[in-house]
Amino acid sequence: MKSMPFSLAALMRGLMLLLLVLPALSLQADPAARALRPDLRLLIDISGSMKQSDPENLRGPALELIVRLLPDGARAGVWTFGESVEVLVPHGEVDSAWRERARAAVAAIDNSGQRTNIPAALAAATYDLGSMDPRYRSSIVLLTDGKVDVAASPMANATAARQVLSETAPQLGATGIPVHTIALSDEADWTFLRSLARESRGIAEKASTPDQLSGIFVQSLEMVAPAAQVPLESGRFQIDDSVEEFTVLLFFDGEAEAMSLRAPDGSRLQADNGAAADWFVAEGFALVTVRQPQPGSWSLAAPDGARIKVTVIADLNIEIDPLPNSMPAGRASELGLRLRDGDRVLSDPAVLGMFGITLSISGPNGYREDIAVSERYGVPETGEYRISIPAFAAAGRYQLVARVSGETLQRELPMHIEVTADPAESTISSRPAELPDASLTIPMLTLAAVVAAIGFIAWWISRRRRKRRLALWEQRFRDNGEALDDPAMDGVSAAPEDSAPR
């Protein structure tokens, strides 16, 4: 029997090694296998108070913008909620058919809800929580102008809100499903929404006016599905021959003025020229997509003060293992970065040596740091750069921009991180689990020793209790004046058979 704990320890050690080794080997065998596609789940408040918070129903154009920007192959779904939750756009793979359904559904966004059932909305968006596809990185974006309102009872509402923060949000955060919250109007429960985002490792935003929704939605999409961009200088940007499609997104104040694109051959693309480009113009923003563009220098005519970004779909792109959207101050982290050419991760030193790779970090109080990745780390054998990110001392919003530049190619990939004032306990890394050290023998033997000690203590306590019970019966016989050797009790003794001097 003494060998049993060691056999059990060996079995447990083998199982733990198997559980650790298999995922690590499957991920380390191909760095590209870790690239996850985005899965966006949008929750839109349609309670009656939205008549005041969003009188022009700008939620519709903002949603259509997201629908147009979502990449093919992603997954997405849209739910509306008031007292109950309704599926506005079924959750599924983003393709042309999904986009058509989503655009048609935009008109259904109204203000017919009676309450603000946020718990039910979160439950609906995570309907597949136990069976999510591991190839996707799921995120939730929640837009509301109110607070948790599930019943007429304030106590019921408070209980429901507390349950979301103490149970639902931590579970989602531990599962890797951040909830990014957007508060529309000052009437929204900002304390609750900020806590919901923090507990689930998401980011909280506040839109002072409805026309800010589109910009906030786009930033949320950047966190869910980072898209490669090309830098813009004085209205000009460079398109290389690997680009299959580019999209120009403009945010501007006031009325839309004449906007146009000039191609490298001198031809001009305008909103009324639908054959060459796809234009979508709404209040406060415009989106133009050009497919199979000419390589070379493009220029853009836009309203003064417009905020512009140019995203590209190309064979050659930056790929990252994203960090959590939210992390405590003082915690070190590590970022995985690769260059992908189609389905292949570039690992040839001669090819990688042609590109300059940098990582720029900006944050609160004027914080700025530039990391020359190519110079500091050299060319990795696997093609994957593991970049050490410094621990951020101050809480606040940080932006990380990875940049790749070559002779004719330029790419940028922006990321956002919310640093909180929570104390740091460990280092965050996007690297898969490492194999264990030399062995687990010492900790497993320690565990076996603890189990054996607990078993011995339980046996000893049980034996003591048995002795005390027998002694009690012996005392009762004595109190009744009956001797232990009474003939009437021949063959019966209150003393234990294995009694020993104490």
Protein backbone atom coordinates (compact mmCIF):
# COMPACT_ATOMS: atom_id res chain seq x y z
CA MET A 1 0.00 0.00 0.00
CA LYS A 2 2.90 2.39 0.59
CA SER A 3 3.73 2.40 -3.12
CA MET A 4 0.23 3.56 -4.13
CA PRO A 5 0.77 7.31 -3.56
CA PHE A 6 3.91 7.21 -5.70
CA SER A 7 2.05 5.37 -8.50
CA LEU A 8 -0.75 7.92 -8.31
CA ALA A 9 1.78 10.75 -8.34
CA ALA A 10 3.44 9.28 -11.42
CA LEU A 11 0.08 9.01 -13.18
CA MET A 12 -0.86 12.56 -12.27
CA ARG A 13 2.56 13.78 -13.37
CA GLY A 14 2.15 12.06 -16.71
CA LEU A 15 -1.30 13.52 -17.27
CA MET A 16 -0.14 17.02 -16.41
CA LEU A 17 2.82 16.70 -18.76
CA LEU A 18 0.48 15.53 -21.52
CA LEU A 19 -1.91 18.43 -20.97
CA LEU A 20 0.93 20.94 -21.05
CA VAL A 21 2.95 19.45 -23.87
CA LEU A 22 0.24 18.90 -26.48
CA PRO A 23 -1.03 22.50 -26.67
CA ALA A 24 2.51 23.86 -26.54
CA LEU A 25 3.70 21.59 -29.33
CA SER A 26 0.69 22.32 -31.53
CA LEU A 27 1.22 26.07 -31.15
CA GLN A 28 5.01 26.13 -31.30
CA ALA A 29 5.12 23.95 -34.39
CA ASP A 30 3.78 26.82 -36.51
CA PRO A 31 3.70 30.41 -35.20
CA ALA A 32 1.00 31.26 -37.74
CA ALA A 33 -1.33 28.73 -36.14
CA ARG A 34 -1.82 31.11 -33.22
CA ALA A 35 -3.36 33.85 -35.40
CA LEU A 36 -6.99 34.13 -34.33
CA ARG A 37 -9.75 35.59 -36.44
CA PRO A 38 -12.02 38.20 -34.84
CA ASP A 39 -15.48 37.41 -33.50
CA LEU A 40 -17.45 40.59 -32.71
CA ARG A 41 -20.75 40.58 -30.82
CA LEU A 42 -22.56 43.92 -30.74
CA LEU A 43 -25.22 44.72 -28.14
CA ILE A 44 -27.29 47.84 -28.89
CA ASP A 45 -29.65 49.48 -26.41
CA ILE A 46 -33.10 50.31 -27.87
CA SER A 47 -34.76 51.47 -24.63
CA GLY A 48 -37.18 54.39 -24.79
CA SER A 49 -34.63 56.80 -23.30
CA MET A 50 -32.65 56.55 -26.54
CA LYS A 51 -35.14 59.00 -28.04
CA GLN A 52 -33.35 61.70 -26.05
CA SER A 53 -29.86 60.22 -26.09
CA ASP A 54 -29.79 59.50 -29.84
CA PRO A 55 -32.63 61.54 -31.37
CA GLU A 56 -31.30 61.21 -34.93
CA ASN A 57 -30.67 57.47 -34.51
CA LEU A 58 -26.98 57.67 -35.39
CA ARG A 59 -26.62 54.13 -34.11
CA GLY A 60 -27.72 52.98 -37.57
CA PRO A 61 -24.96 54.64 -39.64
CA ALA A 62 -22.37 53.70 -36.99
CA LEU A 63 -23.45 50.07 -37.22
CA GLU A 64 -23.33 50.15 -41.03
CA LEU A 65 -19.80 51.53 -40.84
CA ILE A 66 -18.73 48.58 -38.69
CA VAL A 67 -20.46 46.17 -41.08
CA ARG A 68 -18.46 47.60 -43.98
CA LEU A 69 -15.16 47.51 -42.07
CA LEU A 70 -15.40 43.96 -40.72
CA PRO A 71 -12.98 41.70 -42.61
CA ASP A 72 -14.14 38.71 -44.61
CA GLY A 73 -13.77 35.49 -42.65
CA ALA A 74 -14.51 37.15 -39.31
CA ARG A 75 -17.60 36.26 -37.31
CA ALA A 76 -20.11 38.78 -36.02
CA GLY A 77 -23.63 39.17 -34.68
CA VAL A 78 -25.86 42.02 -33.52
CA TRP A 79 -28.43 41.95 -30.72
CA THR A 80 -30.79 44.71 -29.56
CA PHE A 81 -32.07 44.86 -26.02
CA GLY A 82 -34.64 46.63 -23.90
CA GLU A 83 -36.82 44.57 -21.57
CA SER A 84 -36.01 41.55 -23.74
CA VAL A 85 -33.29 40.70 -26.25
CA GLU A 86 -33.77 40.28 -29.99
CA VAL A 87 -31.38 39.05 -32.65
CA LEU A 88 -30.93 41.88 -35.16
CA VAL A 89 -28.26 40.18 -37.29
CA PRO A 90 -27.67 36.45 -36.74
CA HIS A 91 -24.22 35.53 -35.47
CA GLY A 92 -22.21 33.99 -38.27
CA GLU A 93 -19.32 34.32 -40.70
CA VAL A 94 -18.90 37.69 -42.34
CA ASP A 95 -19.30 37.49 -46.12
CA SER A 96 -21.28 39.37 -48.77
CA ALA A 97 -24.55 37.66 -47.78
CA TRP A 98 -24.03 38.49 -44.08
CA ARG A 99 -23.30 42.12 -44.94
CA GLU A 100 -26.48 42.40 -47.00
CA ARG A 101 -28.56 41.08 -44.11
CA ALA A 102 -26.81 43.44 -41.71
CA ARG A 103 -27.37 46.52 -43.88
CA ALA A 104 -31.03 45.67 -44.29
CA ALA A 105 -31.41 45.24 -40.53
CA VAL A 106 -30.04 48.72 -39.70
CA ALA A 107 -33.49 50.24 -40.28
CA ALA A 108 -34.91 48.05 -37.49
CA ILE A 109 -33.00 49.93 -34.78
CA ASP A 110 -35.61 51.92 -32.86
CA ASN A 111 -36.45 53.01 -29.29
CA SER A 112 -39.22 50.55 -28.47
CA GLY A 113 -37.68 48.94 -25.37
CA GLN A 114 -39.19 49.48 -21.93
CA ARG A 115 -36.23 48.57 -19.73
CA THR A 116 -32.45 48.02 -19.99
CA ASN A 117 -31.84 44.32 -19.46
CA ILE A 118 -28.05 44.24 -19.71
CA PRO A 119 -27.71 40.81 -17.99
CA ALA A 120 -30.01 39.21 -20.57
CA ALA A 121 -28.10 40.90 -23.40
CA LEU A 122 -24.77 39.51 -22.16
CA ALA A 123 -26.32 36.06 -21.80
CA ALA A 124 -27.66 36.20 -25.37
CA ALA A 125 -24.30 37.27 -26.80
CA THR A 126 -22.56 34.37 -25.05
CA TYR A 127 -25.11 31.72 -26.01
CA ASP A 128 -22.26 29.42 -27.08
CA LEU A 129 -19.98 30.07 -24.12
CA GLY A 130 -19.26 26.39 -23.55
CA SER A 131 -18.58 25.57 -27.20
CA MET A 132 -16.88 28.60 -28.77
CA ASP A 133 -14.68 28.00 -31.79
CA PRO A 134 -11.05 28.24 -30.57
CA ARG A 135 -9.96 29.66 -33.93
CA TYR A 136 -11.66 32.97 -33.11
CA ARG A 137 -10.98 35.73 -30.60
CA SER A 138 -14.38 36.76 -29.26
CA SER A 139 -15.21 40.25 -27.96
CA ILE A 140 -18.42 42.02 -26.94
CA VAL A 141 -19.23 45.69 -27.55
CA LEU A 142 -22.08 46.99 -25.38
CA LEU A 143 -23.76 50.35 -26.15
CA THR A 144 -26.23 51.79 -23.65
CA ASP A 145 -27.46 55.10 -22.28
CA GLY A 146 -28.81 53.71 -19.01
CA LYS A 147 -28.23 51.38 -16.11
CA VAL A 148 -29.25 47.82 -15.27
CA ASP A 149 -33.06 47.94 -15.24
CA VAL A 150 -34.64 44.49 -15.18
CA ALA A 151 -37.62 45.15 -12.89
CA ALA A 152 -39.56 47.83 -11.04
CA SER A 153 -37.77 46.91 -7.81
CA PRO A 154 -34.56 48.90 -7.13
CA MET A 155 -33.34 45.99 -5.02
CA ALA A 156 -33.82 43.55 -7.91
CA ASN A 157 -31.91 45.88 -10.22
CA ALA A 158 -29.08 46.30 -7.73
CA THR A 159 -28.88 42.54 -7.24
CA ALA A 160 -28.77 41.95 -11.00
CA ALA A 161 -26.00 44.54 -11.46
CA ARG A 162 -24.00 43.07 -8.58
CA GLN A 163 -24.29 39.59 -10.07
CA VAL A 164 -23.00 40.83 -13.44
CA LEU A 165 -19.94 42.40 -11.80
CA SER A 166 -19.20 39.60 -9.35
CA GLU A 167 -19.95 36.57 -11.54
CA THR A 168 -20.56 37.25 -15.25
CA ALA A 169 -17.78 39.77 -15.91
CA PRO A 170 -14.99 37.83 -14.12
CA GLN A 171 -16.04 34.64 -15.90
CA LEU A 172 -15.92 36.35 -19.29
CA GLY A 173 -12.55 37.90 -18.46
CA ALA A 174 -11.13 34.53 -17.41
CA THR A 175 -12.46 32.99 -20.62
CA GLY A 176 -10.81 35.69 -22.72
CA ILE A 177 -13.99 37.50 -23.79
CA PRO A 178 -13.61 41.21 -23.01
CA VAL A 179 -16.67 43.44 -22.83
CA HIS A 180 -16.01 46.89 -24.28
CA THR A 181 -18.64 49.27 -22.95
CA ILE A 182 -19.85 52.53 -24.52
CA ALA A 183 -21.84 54.96 -22.37
CA LEU A 184 -24.09 57.23 -24.42
CA SER A 185 -25.28 60.26 -22.39
CA ASP A 186 -24.53 61.32 -18.83
CA GLU A 187 -27.51 59.28 -17.60
CA ALA A 188 -25.65 56.04 -18.23
CA ASP A 189 -24.32 54.25 -15.15
CA TRP A 190 -20.67 55.02 -15.86
CA THR A 191 -19.46 53.38 -12.64
CA PHE A 192 -21.14 50.10 -13.57
CA LEU A 193 -20.03 50.19 -17.22
CA ARG A 194 -16.45 50.98 -16.28
CA SER A 195 -16.41 48.15 -13.73
CA LEU A 196 -17.94 45.74 -16.24
CA ALA A 197 -15.19 46.56 -18.73
CA ARG A 198 -12.43 46.34 -16.13
CA GLU A 199 -13.58 43.01 -14.66
CA SER A 200 -13.84 41.44 -18.13
CA ARG A 201 -10.51 42.95 -19.35
CA GLY A 202 -12.27 45.30 -21.76
CA ILE A 203 -12.18 49.07 -22.26
CA ALA A 204 -14.87 51.60 -21.29
CA GLU A 205 -15.67 54.63 -23.45
CA LYS A 206 -18.03 57.55 -22.99
CA ALA A 207 -19.67 59.30 -25.94
CA SER A 208 -20.63 62.84 -24.99
CA THR A 209 -22.67 63.22 -28.19
CA PRO A 210 -24.21 60.68 -30.60
CA ASP A 211 -21.97 61.83 -33.46
CA GLN A 212 -18.98 60.45 -31.54
CA LEU A 213 -20.38 56.94 -31.82
CA SER A 214 -18.81 56.12 -35.19
CA GLY A 215 -15.29 56.97 -34.01
CA ILE A 216 -15.70 54.97 -30.81
CA PHE A 217 -17.11 52.01 -32.76
CA VAL A 218 -14.09 52.12 -35.07
CA GLN A 219 -11.69 52.18 -32.13
CA SER A 220 -13.55 49.21 -30.64
CA LEU A 221 -13.13 47.41 -33.94
CA GLU A 222 -9.40 48.15 -33.88
CA MET A 223 -9.21 46.36 -30.53
CA VAL A 224 -11.25 43.41 -31.77
CA ALA A 225 -9.81 43.14 -35.28
CA PRO A 226 -6.59 45.15 -35.73
CA ALA A 227 -6.18 46.07 -39.41
CA ALA A 228 -2.95 47.00 -41.17
CA GLN A 229 -2.69 50.62 -42.28
CA VAL A 230 -0.38 52.68 -44.46
CA PRO A 231 0.98 56.02 -43.19
CA LEU A 232 -0.51 59.25 -44.53
CA GLU A 233 1.64 62.34 -45.03
CA SER A 234 0.22 65.64 -46.30
CA GLY A 235 -2.71 63.82 -47.86
CA ARG A 236 -0.53 61.29 -49.71
CA PHE A 237 -0.03 57.57 -49.13
CA GLN A 238 1.88 54.79 -50.87
CA ILE A 239 0.24 51.62 -52.20
CA ASP A 240 2.53 48.71 -53.13
CA ASP A 241 1.77 45.94 -55.60
CA SER A 242 0.84 43.42 -52.88
CA VAL A 243 -2.27 45.44 -51.90
CA GLU A 244 -5.52 43.89 -53.10
CA GLU A 245 -7.79 46.55 -51.59
CA PHE A 246 -7.56 49.72 -49.54
CA THR A 247 -10.13 51.67 -47.54
CA VAL A 248 -9.97 55.34 -46.64
CA LEU A 249 -11.95 56.36 -43.54
CA LEU A 250 -12.50 60.06 -42.84
CA PHE A 251 -14.05 61.70 -39.78
CA PHE A 252 -14.89 65.38 -40.14
CA ASP A 253 -16.89 68.11 -38.42
CA GLY A 254 -19.73 69.96 -40.09
CA GLU A 255 -20.98 69.35 -43.61
CA ALA A 256 -19.28 66.98 -46.02
CA GLU A 257 -17.30 68.87 -48.61
CA ALA A 258 -16.04 67.64 -51.96
CA MET A 259 -13.87 64.58 -51.41
CA SER A 260 -11.83 62.79 -54.02
CA LEU A 261 -8.92 60.41 -54.57
CA ARG A 262 -6.24 60.88 -57.20
CA ALA A 263 -4.65 57.67 -58.51
CA PRO A 264 -0.98 57.35 -59.51
CA ASP A 265 -1.94 57.72 -63.20
CA GLY A 266 -3.64 61.06 -62.48
CA SER A 267 -7.25 59.86 -62.71
CA ARG A 268 -9.69 61.22 -60.08
CA LEU A 269 -12.15 59.07 -58.10
CA GLN A 270 -15.22 60.82 -56.65
CA ALA A 271 -18.44 59.78 -54.91
CA ASP A 272 -20.42 60.05 -58.15
CA ASN A 273 -17.98 57.70 -59.91
CA GLY A 274 -19.19 54.40 -58.46
CA ALA A 275 -17.50 52.20 -61.02
CA ALA A 276 -13.98 52.82 -59.72
CA ALA A 277 -14.64 52.93 -55.97
CA ASP A 278 -17.31 52.23 -53.35
CA TRP A 279 -18.31 55.39 -51.44
CA PHE A 280 -20.36 55.57 -48.23
CA VAL A 281 -20.99 59.06 -46.85
CA ALA A 282 -22.92 59.74 -43.64
CA GLU A 283 -23.12 62.52 -41.08
CA GLY A 284 -19.62 63.12 -39.72
CA PHE A 285 -17.77 60.44 -41.67
CA ALA A 286 -17.10 58.94 -45.09
CA LEU A 287 -15.73 55.62 -46.26
CA VAL A 288 -14.29 54.83 -49.67
CA THR A 289 -13.01 51.40 -50.77
CA VAL A 290 -10.85 50.80 -53.84
CA ARG A 291 -10.30 47.26 -55.08
CA GLN A 292 -7.30 46.17 -57.15
CA PRO A 293 -5.72 49.62 -56.85
CA GLN A 294 -2.85 50.88 -58.98
CA PRO A 295 0.46 50.66 -57.12
CA GLY A 296 2.16 53.97 -56.50
CA SER A 297 1.49 57.28 -54.76
CA TRP A 298 -2.14 58.21 -54.09
CA SER A 299 -3.44 61.57 -52.87
CA LEU A 300 -6.62 62.53 -51.03
CA ALA A 301 -8.67 65.73 -51.07
CA ALA A 302 -10.64 66.00 -47.80
CA PRO A 303 -12.28 68.61 -45.54
CA ASP A 304 -9.92 70.66 -43.39
CA GLY A 305 -9.17 69.04 -40.06
CA ALA A 306 -10.45 65.63 -41.13
CA ARG A 307 -9.11 62.63 -39.22
CA ILE A 308 -8.03 60.04 -41.78
CA LYS A 309 -6.79 56.46 -41.76
CA VAL A 310 -6.03 54.17 -44.69
CA THR A 311 -6.34 50.43 -44.11
CA VAL A 312 -5.18 47.79 -46.57
CA ILE A 313 -5.86 44.18 -47.43
CA ALA A 314 -2.69 42.68 -48.84
CA ASP A 315 -0.72 39.47 -49.15
CA LEU A 316 2.14 40.98 -47.15
CA ASN A 317 1.03 42.08 -43.70
CA ILE A 318 1.91 42.43 -40.02
CA GLU A 319 0.50 39.79 -37.70
CA ILE A 320 0.51 40.02 -33.91
CA ASP A 321 -0.50 38.02 -30.88
CA PRO A 322 -2.44 40.83 -29.19
CA LEU A 323 -2.02 41.69 -25.55
CA PRO A 324 -5.06 41.99 -23.27
CA ASN A 325 -6.99 45.21 -23.85
CA SER A 326 -6.74 45.92 -20.12
CA MET A 327 -3.86 45.21 -17.74
CA PRO A 328 -2.60 46.45 -14.34
CA ALA A 329 0.06 49.11 -13.98
CA GLY A 330 3.55 47.84 -13.22
CA ARG A 331 3.09 44.57 -15.09
CA ALA A 332 5.64 43.57 -17.70
CA SER A 333 4.37 42.07 -20.95
CA GLU A 334 5.51 40.47 -24.17
CA LEU A 335 4.21 40.87 -27.71
CA GLY A 336 4.52 38.37 -30.57
CA LEU A 337 4.99 39.88 -34.06
CA ARG A 338 5.37 38.21 -37.44
CA LEU A 339 5.36 39.19 -41.12
CA ARG A 340 3.02 37.10 -43.22
CA ASP A 341 3.08 36.66 -46.98
CA GLY A 342 -0.29 35.08 -47.75
CA ASP A 343 -0.50 31.89 -45.71
CA ARG A 344 3.23 31.81 -45.02
CA VAL A 345 5.13 33.42 -42.14
CA LEU A 346 8.36 34.99 -43.40
CA SER A 347 11.42 33.45 -41.75
CA ASP A 348 14.17 33.82 -44.36
CA PRO A 349 16.84 36.08 -42.79
CA ALA A 350 17.64 37.63 -46.18
CA VAL A 351 13.98 38.61 -46.70
CA LEU A 352 13.33 39.81 -43.16
CA GLY A 353 16.55 41.81 -43.27
CA MET A 354 15.01 43.96 -46.00
CA PHE A 355 12.45 45.42 -43.58
CA GLY A 356 12.80 47.82 -40.71
CA ILE A 357 10.48 46.98 -37.81
CA THR A 358 9.73 49.38 -34.95
CA LEU A 359 7.22 49.60 -32.13
CA SER A 360 6.12 53.04 -30.93
CA ILE A 361 4.35 53.42 -27.57
CA SER A 362 2.53 56.56 -26.43
CA GLY A 363 0.51 57.14 -23.29
CA PRO A 364 -0.63 59.56 -20.60
CA ASN A 365 1.48 62.46 -19.35
CA GLY A 366 3.39 62.62 -22.62
CA TYR A 367 4.80 59.09 -22.28
CA ARG A 368 6.67 57.99 -25.41
CA GLU A 369 8.98 55.10 -26.19
CA ASP A 370 10.26 53.77 -29.51
CA ILE A 371 11.63 50.23 -29.76
CA ALA A 372 13.83 49.43 -32.78
CA VAL A 373 12.76 45.80 -33.05
CA SER A 374 14.98 44.87 -36.01
CA GLU A 375 18.10 46.21 -34.32
CA ARG A 376 17.39 45.03 -30.79
CA TYR A 377 16.24 41.48 -31.53
CA GLY A 378 17.83 40.52 -34.83
CA VAL A 379 16.19 38.02 -37.17
CA PRO A 380 14.46 35.12 -35.33
CA GLU A 381 14.79 31.61 -36.75
CA THR A 382 11.03 31.07 -36.65
CA GLY A 383 10.23 34.48 -38.10
CA GLU A 384 8.50 35.48 -34.87
CA TYR A 385 9.76 38.46 -32.89
CA ARG A 386 9.13 38.33 -29.13
CA ILE A 387 9.11 41.97 -28.05
CA SER A 388 9.43 42.89 -24.37
CA ILE A 389 6.99 45.66 -23.46
CA PRO A 390 8.05 47.83 -20.48
CA ALA A 391 5.86 47.91 -17.39
CA PHE A 392 3.68 51.01 -17.45
CA ALA A 393 3.82 52.96 -14.20
CA ALA A 394 0.86 55.29 -14.81
CA ALA A 395 -2.74 54.24 -15.33
CA GLY A 396 -4.48 55.38 -18.52
CA ARG A 397 -4.87 54.67 -22.24
CA TYR A 398 -1.78 53.62 -24.20
CA GLN A 399 -1.40 53.16 -27.94
CA LEU A 400 1.11 50.76 -29.48
CA VAL A 401 1.86 51.07 -33.19
CA ALA A 402 3.90 48.37 -34.94
CA ARG A 403 5.55 49.67 -38.13
CA VAL A 404 7.20 47.82 -41.01
CA SER A 405 8.99 49.67 -43.77
CA GLY A 406 10.77 48.46 -46.88
CA GLU A 407 11.88 49.95 -50.16
CA THR A 408 8.33 50.30 -51.52
CA LEU A 409 6.25 48.87 -48.67
CA GLN A 410 4.94 50.53 -45.52
CA ARG A 411 2.58 49.06 -42.93
CA GLU A 412 1.27 50.17 -39.54
CA LEU A 413 -0.78 48.21 -37.02
CA PRO A 414 -2.30 50.19 -34.11
CA MET A 415 -3.26 48.61 -30.78
CA HIS A 416 -4.82 50.05 -27.63
CA ILE A 417 -4.26 49.05 -24.00
CA GLU A 418 -6.02 50.37 -20.92
CA VAL A 419 -3.66 50.32 -17.93
CA THR A 420 -5.42 50.23 -14.57
CA ALA A 421 -4.16 51.04 -11.10
CA ASP A 422 -4.58 47.43 -9.91
CA PRO A 423 -1.44 45.92 -8.35
CA ALA A 424 0.61 43.71 -10.66
CA GLU A 425 1.21 40.11 -9.74
CA SER A 426 2.87 38.54 -12.76
CA THR A 427 4.08 39.02 -16.29
CA ILE A 428 1.72 38.89 -19.26
CA SER A 429 2.92 37.10 -22.38
CA SER A 430 1.27 36.07 -25.61
CA ARG A 431 3.68 33.11 -25.83
CA PRO A 432 2.01 29.67 -25.52
CA ALA A 433 2.57 27.65 -22.36
CA GLU A 434 6.17 26.50 -21.96
CA LEU A 435 7.10 22.94 -21.18
CA PRO A 436 7.60 22.35 -17.44
CA ASP A 437 11.07 22.36 -15.86
CA ALA A 438 13.20 19.25 -15.44
CA SER A 439 10.31 17.38 -13.81
CA LEU A 440 7.36 17.74 -11.51
CA THR A 441 8.76 15.15 -9.11
CA ILE A 442 9.39 17.43 -6.15
CA PRO A 443 6.02 19.23 -6.15
CA MET A 444 4.15 15.98 -6.81
CA LEU A 445 5.98 14.17 -4.01
CA THR A 446 5.22 17.10 -1.74
CA LEU A 447 1.55 16.83 -2.69
CA ALA A 448 1.62 13.07 -2.04
CA ALA A 449 3.22 13.66 1.37
CA VAL A 450 0.54 16.20 2.28
CA VAL A 451 -2.22 13.79 1.21
CA ALA A 452 -0.62 10.99 3.24
CA ALA A 453 -0.30 13.25 6.31
CA ILE A 454 -3.95 14.26 6.05
CA GLY A 455 -4.96 10.61 5.77
CA PHE A 456 -2.88 9.66 8.84
CA ILE A 457 -4.40 12.51 10.88
CA ALA A 458 -7.92 11.45 9.87
CA TRP A 459 -7.15 7.83 10.88
CA TRP A 460 -5.68 8.92 14.22
CA ILE A 461 -8.69 11.13 15.02
CA SER A 462 -11.05 8.29 14.11
CA ARG A 463 -9.13 5.89 16.38
CA ARG A 464 -9.20 8.35 19.29
CA ARG A 465 -12.92 8.83 18.88
CA ARG A 466 -13.45 5.04 18.94
CA LYS A 467 -11.43 4.74 22.14
CA ARG A 468 -13.39 7.55 23.76
CA ARG A 469 -16.70 5.97 22.74
CA LEU A 470 -15.68 2.63 24.22
CA ALA A 471 -14.48 4.35 27.39
CA LEU A 472 -17.85 6.08 27.68
CA TRP A 473 -19.69 2.75 27.53
CA GLU A 474 -17.32 1.35 30.15
CA GLN A 475 -18.07 4.27 32.46
CA ARG A 476 -21.83 3.77 31.99
CA PHE A 477 -21.52 0.14 33.03
CA ARG A 478 -19.60 1.18 36.13
CA ASP A 479 -22.20 3.80 36.99
CA ASN A 480 -24.86 1.06 36.85
CA GLY A 481 -22.86 -1.05 39.33
CA GLU A 482 -22.10 -3.75 36.82
CA ALA A 483 -18.59 -5.20 36.84
CA LEU A 484 -16.83 -5.76 33.55
CA ASP A 485 -16.37 -9.46 34.39
CA ASP A 486 -20.06 -10.03 35.29
CA PRO A 487 -21.08 -13.59 34.19
CA ALA A 488 -24.22 -12.15 32.59
CA MET A 489 -21.91 -10.29 30.19
CA ASP A 490 -19.54 -13.18 29.61
CA GLY A 491 -17.55 -12.73 26.42
CA VAL A 492 -18.29 -8.99 26.14
CA SER A 493 -15.83 -6.28 27.09
CA ALA A 494 -15.94 -2.53 26.75
CA ALA A 495 -12.14 -2.47 26.26
CA PRO A 496 -10.87 -2.41 22.66
CA GLU A 497 -9.14 -5.53 21.43
CA ASP A 498 -6.08 -3.58 20.32
CA SER A 499 -5.87 -1.63 23.55
CA ALA A 500 -2.43 -0.55 24.58
CA PRO A 501 -1.04 1.42 27.48
CA ARG A 502 -1.51 5.11 27.02
